[in-house]
C-alpha atoms as a PDB file:
ATOM      1  CA  MET A   1      93.643 134.019  98.693  1.00  0.00           C
ATOM      2  CA  ILE A   2      92.811 130.327  98.831  1.00  0.00           C
ATOM      3  CA  ARG A   3      95.726 127.963  99.125  1.00  0.00           C
ATOM      4  CA  ILE A   4      95.419 124.358  98.147  1.00  0.00           C
ATOM      5  CA  ALA A   5      97.973 122.046  99.668  1.00  0.00           C
ATOM      6  CA  PRO A   6      98.720 118.649  98.193  1.00  0.00           C
ATOM      7  CA  ILE A   7      97.555 115.733 100.298  1.00  0.00           C
ATOM      8  CA  VAL A   8      99.684 112.628 100.309  1.00  0.00           C
ATOM      9  CA  VAL A   9      98.110 109.513 101.746  1.00  0.00           C
ATOM     10  CA  LEU A  10     100.549 106.746 102.554  1.00  0.00           C
ATOM     11  CA  LEU A  11      98.079 104.445 104.213  1.00  0.00           C
ATOM     12  CA  ALA A  12      97.220 100.940 103.226  1.00  0.00           C
ATOM     13  CA  GLY A  13      94.383  98.690 104.133  1.00  0.00           C
ATOM     14  CA  CYS A  14      90.913  99.871 104.958  1.00  0.00           C
ATOM     15  CA  MET A  15      90.615 103.187 106.735  1.00  0.00           C
ATOM     16  CA  ASP A  16      87.510 105.313 107.006  1.00  0.00           C
ATOM     17  CA  GLY A  17      85.687 103.102 104.508  1.00  0.00           C
ATOM     18  CA  PHE A  18      88.369 102.986 101.837  1.00  0.00           C
ATOM     19  CA  PHE A  19      89.501  99.666 100.388  1.00  0.00           C
ATOM     20  CA  VAL A  20      93.111 100.370  99.337  1.00  0.00           C
ATOM     21  CA  ILE A  21      95.578  98.216  97.427  1.00  0.00           C
ATOM     22  CA  SER A  22      99.118  99.539  97.052  1.00  0.00           C
ATOM     23  CA  GLY A  23     102.354  98.093  95.816  1.00  0.00           C
ATOM     24  CA  ARG A  24     105.091  98.103  93.191  1.00  0.00           C
ATOM     25  CA  VAL A  25     105.379  96.788  89.624  1.00  0.00           C
ATOM     26  CA  THR A  26     108.695  95.636  88.180  1.00  0.00           C
ATOM     27  CA  ARG A  27     110.034  93.967  85.055  1.00  0.00           C
ATOM     28  CA  CYS A  28     110.562  90.263  85.880  1.00  0.00           C
ATOM     29  CA  ALA A  29     113.846  89.937  83.989  1.00  0.00           C
ATOM     30  CA  ASP A  30     115.786  92.548  85.962  1.00  0.00           C
ATOM     31  CA  ASP A  31     113.525  93.779  88.793  1.00  0.00           C
ATOM     32  CA  GLN A  32     113.549  97.320  87.342  1.00  0.00           C
ATOM     33  CA  PRO A  33     110.459  99.452  88.063  1.00  0.00           C
ATOM     34  CA  LEU A  34     107.807  99.715  85.354  1.00  0.00           C
ATOM     35  CA  VAL A  35     106.307 103.164  84.895  1.00  0.00           C
ATOM     36  CA  GLY A  36     102.865 103.743  83.407  1.00  0.00           C
ATOM     37  CA  VAL A  37     101.312 100.389  84.251  1.00  0.00           C
ATOM     38  CA  LYS A  38      97.529 100.755  84.310  1.00  0.00           C
ATOM     39  CA  VAL A  39      96.279  99.451  87.659  1.00  0.00           C
ATOM     40  CA  GLU A  40      92.523  98.960  87.834  1.00  0.00           C
ATOM     41  CA  LEU A  41      90.655  97.921  90.967  1.00  0.00           C
ATOM     42  CA  ILE A  42      87.226  96.463  90.174  1.00  0.00           C
ATOM     43  CA  LEU A  43      84.644  95.830  92.877  1.00  0.00           C
ATOM     44  CA  LYS A  44      83.415  92.227  92.985  1.00  0.00           C
ATOM     45  CA  SER A  45      81.181  92.504  96.064  1.00  0.00           C
ATOM     46  CA  GLY A  46      80.513  95.312  98.484  1.00  0.00           C
ATOM     47  CA  VAL A  47      78.123  98.142  99.248  1.00  0.00           C
ATOM     48  CA  SER A  48      78.096  99.728  95.775  1.00  0.00           C
ATOM     49  CA  ALA A  49      76.548  98.030  92.782  1.00  0.00           C
ATOM     50  CA  ASP A  50      79.426  98.865  90.452  1.00  0.00           C
ATOM     51  CA  GLU A  51      82.656 100.651  91.279  1.00  0.00           C
ATOM     52  CA  THR A  52      86.094 100.806  89.704  1.00  0.00           C
ATOM     53  CA  SER A  53      89.186 102.882  90.282  1.00  0.00           C
ATOM     54  CA  VAL A  54      92.211 103.359  88.024  1.00  0.00           C
ATOM     55  CA  ALA A  55      95.755 104.501  88.779  1.00  0.00           C
ATOM     56  CA  TYR A  56      99.089 104.303  86.960  1.00  0.00           C
ATOM     57  CA  SER A  57     102.442 103.247  88.382  1.00  0.00           C
ATOM     58  CA  ASP A  58     104.897 106.097  88.919  1.00  0.00           C
ATOM     59  CA  PRO A  59     108.600 106.199  87.900  1.00  0.00           C
ATOM     60  CA  ASP A  60     109.458 104.030  90.921  1.00  0.00           C
ATOM     61  CA  GLY A  61     106.857 101.483  89.814  1.00  0.00           C
ATOM     62  CA  THR A  62     104.686 102.204  92.855  1.00  0.00           C
ATOM     63  CA  PHE A  63     100.918 102.592  92.837  1.00  0.00           C
ATOM     64  CA  SER A  64      97.974 102.980  95.162  1.00  0.00           C
ATOM     65  CA  VAL A  65      94.368 102.487  94.130  1.00  0.00           C
ATOM     66  CA  ALA A  66      91.246 102.680  96.313  1.00  0.00           C
ATOM     67  CA  LEU A  67      87.530 102.009  96.398  1.00  0.00           C
ATOM     68  CA  ASP A  68      85.052 103.682  98.750  1.00  0.00           C
ATOM     69  CA  GLU A  69      84.140 100.312 100.282  1.00  0.00           C
ATOM     70  CA  PRO A  70      84.299  98.627 103.714  1.00  0.00           C
ATOM     71  CA  PRO A  71      86.849  95.964 104.759  1.00  0.00           C
ATOM     72  CA  SER A  72      84.353  93.203 103.941  1.00  0.00           C
ATOM     73  CA  ALA A  73      84.411  94.074 100.227  1.00  0.00           C
ATOM     74  CA  SER A  74      86.177  91.999  97.613  1.00  0.00           C
ATOM     75  CA  ALA A  75      87.805  93.287  94.467  1.00  0.00           C
ATOM     76  CA  ARG A  76      89.881  92.283  91.451  1.00  0.00           C
ATOM     77  CA  LEU A  77      93.155  94.060  90.675  1.00  0.00           C
ATOM     78  CA  VAL A  78      94.064  94.180  86.970  1.00  0.00           C
ATOM     79  CA  LEU A  79      97.507  95.300  85.751  1.00  0.00           C
ATOM     80  CA  GLU A  80      98.051  96.171  82.075  1.00  0.00           C
ATOM     81  CA  LYS A  81     100.878  97.677  80.051  1.00  0.00           C
ATOM     82  CA  PRO A  82     101.247  97.484  76.265  1.00  0.00           C
ATOM     83  CA  GLY A  83     103.913  94.945  75.334  1.00  0.00           C
ATOM     84  CA  TYR A  84     103.594  93.041  78.633  1.00  0.00           C
ATOM     85  CA  ALA A  85     101.434  90.127  79.756  1.00  0.00           C
ATOM     86  CA  GLY A  86      98.563  91.403  81.889  1.00  0.00           C
ATOM     87  CA  GLN A  87      97.881  90.183  85.408  1.00  0.00           C
ATOM     88  CA  GLU A  88      94.788  89.808  87.565  1.00  0.00           C
ATOM     89  CA  GLN A  89      94.494  89.035  91.254  1.00  0.00           C
ATOM     90  CA  ASP A  90      91.475  88.878  93.558  1.00  0.00           C
ATOM     91  CA  TYR A  91      91.472  90.365  97.064  1.00  0.00           C
ATOM     92  CA  SER A  92      88.987  89.722  99.855  1.00  0.00           C
ATOM     93  CA  GLN A  93      90.544  92.446 101.988  1.00  0.00           C
ATOM     94  CA  ALA A  94      92.705  95.505 101.423  1.00  0.00           C
ATOM     95  CA  SER A  95      96.449  94.957 101.156  1.00  0.00           C
ATOM     96  CA  THR A  96      99.762  96.765 101.127  1.00  0.00           C
ATOM     97  CA  SER A  97     103.276  96.125  99.879  1.00  0.00           C
ATOM     98  CA  GLN A  98     102.235  93.930  96.992  1.00  0.00           C
ATOM     99  CA  VAL A  99     104.978  93.362  94.424  1.00  0.00           C
ATOM    100  CA  PHE A 100     104.140  92.328  90.888  1.00  0.00           C
ATOM    101  CA  CYS A 101     106.569  91.529  88.096  1.00  0.00           C
ATOM    102  CA  MET A 102     105.530  91.665  84.457  1.00  0.00           C
ATOM    103  CA  THR A 103     107.014  89.913  81.442  1.00  0.00           C
ATOM    104  CA  PRO A 104     106.968  91.109  77.821  1.00  0.00           C
END
């Protein structure tokens, strides 16, 4: 019998070649978490010619999205949720504990 155990990675920054951005998304008006926000990390420069990664915020508003890229990569983070103004932010290195608030 083969058992598959869930793997939870709670690391941020670049480790073993992964460019990771993690954080939390809230509603600006009341700081309540926003679930289901599409978080897309788009490679701007790095080893790969074209790479993107998509994740969605969980019920606590938290997310983690990664690219298989070195620390010297740069990427754009795009947050989208229907009914809310989208956001974009560029990163020249991996980052953790980012907090974003979105307005309708």
